Protein backbone atom coordinates (compact mmCIF):
# COMPACT_ATOMS: atom_id res chain seq x y z
CA MET A 1 -27.55 -0.84 3.88
CA ASN A 2 -28.26 -2.48 7.26
CA THR A 3 -28.12 -0.05 10.16
CA LYS A 4 -26.64 -2.54 12.50
CA LYS A 5 -23.61 -2.88 10.19
CA VAL A 6 -23.48 0.87 10.11
CA LEU A 7 -23.64 1.20 13.59
CA ARG A 8 -21.13 -1.55 14.20
CA ARG A 9 -18.58 -0.09 11.89
CA SER A 10 -19.11 3.49 13.40
CA ALA A 11 -18.22 2.02 16.80
CA ILE A 12 -15.23 0.25 15.58
CA ARG A 13 -14.13 3.49 13.85
CA LYS A 14 -14.45 5.57 17.00
CA ARG A 15 -12.53 2.86 18.83
CA ILE A 16 -9.65 3.15 16.38
CA ARG A 17 -9.68 6.73 16.19
CA LYS A 18 -9.28 7.17 19.98
CA ALA A 19 -5.69 5.76 19.62
CA ILE A 20 -4.74 6.89 16.10
CA HIS A 21 -4.00 10.64 15.72
CA GLY A 22 -1.95 12.16 12.68
CA THR A 23 0.67 14.70 13.43
CA ALA A 24 3.20 16.49 11.12
CA GLU A 25 5.75 13.97 11.61
CA ASN A 26 3.52 10.82 11.53
CA PRO A 27 0.34 11.67 9.66
CA ARG A 28 -2.78 9.36 9.43
CA LEU A 29 -3.39 7.30 6.42
CA SER A 30 -7.33 7.15 6.26
CA VAL A 31 -9.06 4.43 4.03
CA PHE A 32 -12.75 4.90 2.88
CA ARG A 33 -14.22 1.90 0.80
CA SER A 34 -17.63 2.25 -1.05
CA ASN A 35 -19.21 -0.65 -3.04
CA LYS A 36 -17.30 0.37 -6.32
CA GLN A 37 -14.51 2.92 -5.21
CA ILE A 38 -11.84 3.20 -2.61
CA TYR A 39 -10.38 6.42 -1.37
CA ALA A 40 -7.18 7.04 0.75
CA GLN A 41 -5.86 10.06 2.23
CA ILE A 42 -2.88 11.08 4.47
CA ILE A 43 -4.08 13.69 6.95
CA ASN A 44 -2.41 15.81 9.51
CA ASP A 45 -4.95 15.95 12.48
CA ASP A 46 -3.04 18.65 14.36
CA SER A 47 -3.89 21.17 11.70
CA GLY A 48 -6.92 19.39 10.06
CA VAL A 49 -5.17 19.31 6.52
CA THR A 50 -5.19 16.36 3.78
CA LEU A 51 -1.52 16.39 2.81
CA VAL A 52 -1.91 13.62 -0.08
CA ALA A 53 -4.99 11.82 -1.30
CA ALA A 54 -5.54 9.25 -4.00
CA SER A 55 -8.79 7.29 -5.21
CA SER A 56 -9.71 4.67 -7.57
CA ARG A 57 -11.62 7.44 -9.51
CA GLU A 58 -8.31 8.63 -10.70
CA LEU A 59 -7.97 5.31 -12.72
CA LYS A 60 -10.54 5.96 -15.51
CA ASP A 61 -10.09 3.24 -18.06
CA VAL A 62 -8.58 0.51 -15.83
CA LYS A 63 -10.53 -2.91 -16.21
CA ALA A 64 -9.37 -4.97 -13.22
CA LYS A 65 -10.80 -6.68 -9.93
CA LYS A 66 -11.39 -4.29 -7.01
CA SER A 67 -8.65 -5.59 -5.16
CA GLU A 68 -6.00 -5.00 -7.89
CA VAL A 69 -7.42 -1.54 -8.43
CA SER A 70 -6.87 -0.87 -4.58
CA GLY A 71 -3.42 -2.19 -4.99
CA MET A 72 -2.97 0.57 -7.67
CA VAL A 73 -4.38 3.21 -5.62
CA GLY A 74 -2.05 2.36 -2.68
CA LYS A 75 0.83 2.48 -5.06
CA SER A 76 -0.29 5.95 -6.41
CA LEU A 77 -0.59 7.13 -2.84
CA ALA A 78 2.89 6.10 -1.92
CA GLU A 79 4.44 7.86 -4.79
CA LYS A 80 2.68 11.08 -4.01
CA ALA A 81 3.57 10.84 -0.33
CA VAL A 82 7.19 10.17 -1.25
CA ALA A 83 7.16 12.95 -3.52
CA ALA A 84 5.64 15.20 -0.75
CA GLY A 85 8.32 13.90 1.83
CA ILE A 86 6.29 11.81 3.87
CA SER A 87 7.63 8.23 4.60
CA LYS A 88 6.14 7.25 7.92
CA VAL A 89 2.32 7.17 8.47
CA MET A 90 -0.18 5.45 10.87
CA PHE A 91 -2.75 3.31 9.18
CA ASP A 92 -6.42 4.02 9.87
CA ARG A 93 -8.63 1.11 8.26
CA GLY A 94 -11.77 3.15 9.06
CA GLY A 95 -13.58 0.41 10.74
CA TYR A 96 -13.22 -2.01 7.87
CA LEU A 97 -11.47 -5.44 8.25
CA TYR A 98 -7.90 -5.70 7.42
CA HIS A 99 -8.78 -8.01 4.48
CA GLY A 100 -9.29 -7.86 0.79
CA ARG A 101 -9.32 -4.15 -0.82
CA VAL A 102 -8.11 -2.56 2.46
CA LYS A 103 -5.18 -5.24 2.73
CA SER A 104 -4.15 -4.78 -0.79
CA LEU A 105 -4.04 -1.04 -0.63
CA ALA A 106 -1.87 -1.08 2.57
CA ASP A 107 0.33 -3.71 1.00
CA ALA A 108 0.89 -1.52 -2.12
CA ALA A 109 1.48 1.44 -0.11
CA ARG A 110 4.32 -0.45 1.94
CA GLU A 111 5.74 -1.51 -1.41
CA GLY A 112 5.76 2.11 -2.64
CA GLY A 113 7.89 3.16 0.26
CA LEU A 114 5.55 4.14 3.15
CA LYS A 115 6.33 2.72 6.57
CA PHE A 116 3.58 1.71 9.15
């Protein structure tokens, strides 16, 4: 991967994390996107604990486009969060553009009952 791209994303990620900090009442929904998979976690930064997590690796035999799979991950994460009693989160896009897979995950999480 191009080092310029990594450094750019790292700088954006640091800038976002200055403003976003998850608490027990309002945890942080963090997204990580690799070339093949997408991962999402709901994190309480005060105690450093991951409350709920979901990823595309849980969906083994699904044949769909990456953005559709991201939507499924968002829906799964929202279901787990609502079951755990979490309804409001802060969205941390992790330095990625709010477009494509990240946007479809966020939209599906909103449809599933999360507010951000």
